[in-house]
Amino acid sequence: MEKLITILNKEVANFGILYTKLHNFHWFIKGDKFFELHEKFEELYDEVTEHFDAVAERILMLGDKPAATLSEYLKLTTLKEATGNETTTEMVEAVISDFSIIISELEKAIELSDKVTEDLLLGIQASLEKHRWMLKTYLV
């Protein structure tokens, strides 16, 4: 159970960082893709908020404590923060990369999970896989 909690807390941190990164991209997107990506990044940070909360609450249900401070998130995350200087393409590529990292880490958590946690993580994973596919297609 300790290994599972460690991975879940890493994902809480990742979702906290990703939430902030998606806001950064939402605010700083420029150019001819502004309208579509401004809206898309908002959709994604709204969804990430739901995943963020669901994973943290699952940790609580399992009798442990989720990471809950920015310093903890920065210590635990496997994602990189946004700089505010990314091009449109770099923004989309960063989200694809972040989703890929989380999807891979969720695989490890799923292997260690009870049925309820597994169901939660599979749902998150499926959603991120779909978004990743759509964003990859967008860049073609």
Protein backbone atom coordinates (compact mmCIF):
# COMPACT_ATOMS: atom_id res chain seq x y z
CA MET A 1 0.00 0.00 0.00
CA GLU A 2 2.90 2.37 0.70
CA LYS A 3 4.15 2.10 -2.91
CA LEU A 4 0.66 2.87 -4.19
CA ILE A 5 0.31 5.93 -1.97
CA THR A 6 3.73 7.16 -3.12
CA ILE A 7 2.69 6.93 -6.78
CA LEU A 8 -0.72 8.48 -6.10
CA ASN A 9 0.92 11.40 -4.30
CA LYS A 10 3.25 11.86 -7.27
CA GLU A 11 0.13 12.13 -9.45
CA VAL A 12 -1.47 14.63 -7.06
CA ALA A 13 1.71 16.71 -7.44
CA ASN A 14 1.68 16.22 -11.22
CA PHE A 15 -1.93 17.33 -11.48
CA GLY A 16 -1.16 20.38 -9.32
CA ILE A 17 1.74 21.35 -11.59
CA LEU A 18 -0.21 20.51 -14.75
CA TYR A 19 -3.15 22.63 -13.59
CA THR A 20 -0.83 25.62 -13.22
CA LYS A 21 0.93 24.90 -16.51
CA LEU A 22 -2.36 24.71 -18.40
CA HIS A 23 -3.40 28.06 -16.92
CA ASN A 24 -0.06 29.49 -18.01
CA PHE A 25 -0.66 28.26 -21.55
CA HIS A 26 -4.28 29.47 -21.47
CA TRP A 27 -3.12 32.96 -20.52
CA PHE A 28 -0.08 33.22 -22.78
CA ILE A 29 -1.27 31.57 -26.00
CA LYS A 30 -0.90 33.94 -28.96
CA GLY A 31 -1.31 33.92 -32.69
CA ASP A 32 -3.67 32.33 -35.17
CA LYS A 33 -4.41 29.35 -32.89
CA PHE A 34 -5.40 31.58 -29.96
CA PHE A 35 -9.14 30.97 -29.92
CA GLU A 36 -9.07 27.20 -30.29
CA LEU A 37 -6.14 26.58 -27.91
CA HIS A 38 -7.27 29.17 -25.34
CA GLU A 39 -10.53 27.23 -25.08
CA LYS A 40 -8.83 23.81 -25.19
CA PHE A 41 -6.38 24.64 -22.39
CA GLU A 42 -9.31 25.81 -20.25
CA GLU A 43 -11.16 22.56 -20.93
CA LEU A 44 -8.05 20.60 -19.96
CA TYR A 45 -7.36 22.47 -16.73
CA ASP A 46 -11.00 22.01 -15.71
CA GLU A 47 -10.64 18.27 -16.26
CA VAL A 48 -7.26 18.12 -14.54
CA THR A 49 -8.88 19.77 -11.51
CA GLU A 50 -11.30 16.85 -11.30
CA HIS A 51 -8.48 14.28 -11.53
CA PHE A 52 -6.42 16.23 -8.99
CA ASP A 53 -9.27 16.17 -6.47
CA ALA A 54 -10.29 12.55 -7.15
CA VAL A 55 -6.79 11.16 -6.62
CA ALA A 56 -6.23 13.22 -3.47
CA GLU A 57 -9.58 12.09 -2.05
CA ARG A 58 -8.76 8.46 -2.89
CA ILE A 59 -5.56 8.77 -0.86
CA LEU A 60 -7.64 10.05 2.05
CA MET A 61 -10.07 7.15 1.65
CA LEU A 62 -7.12 4.77 1.78
CA GLY A 63 -6.23 6.26 5.17
CA ASP A 64 -3.27 8.38 4.14
CA LYS A 65 -2.56 12.06 3.43
CA PRO A 66 -2.22 13.59 -0.03
CA ALA A 67 0.43 16.13 -0.83
CA ALA A 68 -1.21 19.50 -0.37
CA THR A 69 1.36 22.28 -0.68
CA LEU A 70 3.19 23.81 -3.60
CA SER A 71 6.54 22.89 -2.10
CA GLU A 72 5.43 19.25 -1.86
CA TYR A 73 4.22 19.30 -5.47
CA LEU A 74 7.52 20.67 -6.72
CA LYS A 75 9.41 18.05 -4.71
CA LEU A 76 7.27 15.13 -5.93
CA THR A 77 6.41 16.04 -9.51
CA THR A 78 7.88 14.34 -12.55
CA LEU A 79 6.68 17.20 -14.79
CA LYS A 80 8.42 20.46 -15.64
CA GLU A 81 6.90 23.84 -14.96
CA ALA A 82 5.97 26.15 -17.83
CA THR A 83 8.23 29.12 -18.46
CA GLY A 84 5.69 31.45 -20.03
CA ASN A 85 7.89 31.67 -23.13
CA GLU A 86 6.73 28.55 -24.99
CA THR A 87 5.63 28.76 -28.61
CA THR A 88 2.22 27.40 -29.54
CA THR A 89 3.77 24.14 -30.76
CA GLU A 90 5.91 23.83 -27.62
CA MET A 91 2.80 24.28 -25.46
CA VAL A 92 0.97 21.45 -27.20
CA GLU A 93 4.08 19.24 -27.16
CA ALA A 94 4.52 19.88 -23.43
CA VAL A 95 0.95 18.80 -22.70
CA ILE A 96 1.41 15.67 -24.82
CA SER A 97 4.62 14.88 -22.94
CA ASP A 98 3.01 15.49 -19.55
CA PHE A 99 0.04 13.29 -20.41
CA SER A 100 2.44 10.55 -21.56
CA ILE A 101 4.37 10.71 -18.28
CA ILE A 102 1.20 10.52 -16.20
CA ILE A 103 -0.26 7.69 -18.32
CA SER A 104 2.91 5.67 -17.81
CA GLU A 105 2.98 6.31 -14.07
CA LEU A 106 -0.70 5.40 -13.77
CA GLU A 107 0.16 1.98 -15.25
CA LYS A 108 2.39 1.32 -12.24
CA ALA A 109 -0.27 2.51 -9.82
CA ILE A 110 -2.94 0.35 -11.48
CA GLU A 111 -0.78 -2.75 -10.95
CA LEU A 112 -0.75 -2.03 -7.19
CA SER A 113 -4.38 -0.96 -6.87
CA ASP A 114 -7.51 -2.38 -5.33
CA LYS A 115 -10.58 -2.51 -7.61
CA VAL A 116 -11.95 0.92 -6.67
CA THR A 117 -8.61 2.69 -7.13
CA GLU A 118 -8.01 0.78 -10.35
CA ASP A 119 -11.35 1.91 -11.76
CA LEU A 120 -10.60 5.53 -10.89
CA LEU A 121 -7.14 5.41 -12.46
CA LEU A 122 -8.30 3.59 -15.60
CA GLY A 123 -10.88 6.33 -16.19
CA ILE A 124 -8.25 9.04 -15.81
CA GLN A 125 -5.82 7.15 -18.01
CA ALA A 126 -8.40 6.66 -20.77
CA SER A 127 -9.27 10.35 -20.79
CA LEU A 128 -5.62 11.43 -20.93
CA GLU A 129 -4.93 8.94 -23.73
CA LYS A 130 -7.77 10.40 -25.78
CA HIS A 131 -6.56 13.98 -25.23
CA ARG A 132 -2.99 12.95 -26.07
CA TRP A 133 -4.14 11.36 -29.33
CA MET A 134 -6.18 14.44 -30.25
CA LEU A 135 -3.30 16.82 -29.49
CA LYS A 136 -0.85 14.69 -31.49
CA THR A 137 -3.27 14.77 -34.41
CA TYR A 138 -3.61 18.53 -34.02
CA LEU A 139 0.15 18.95 -34.56
CA VAL A 140 0.21 16.93 -37.79
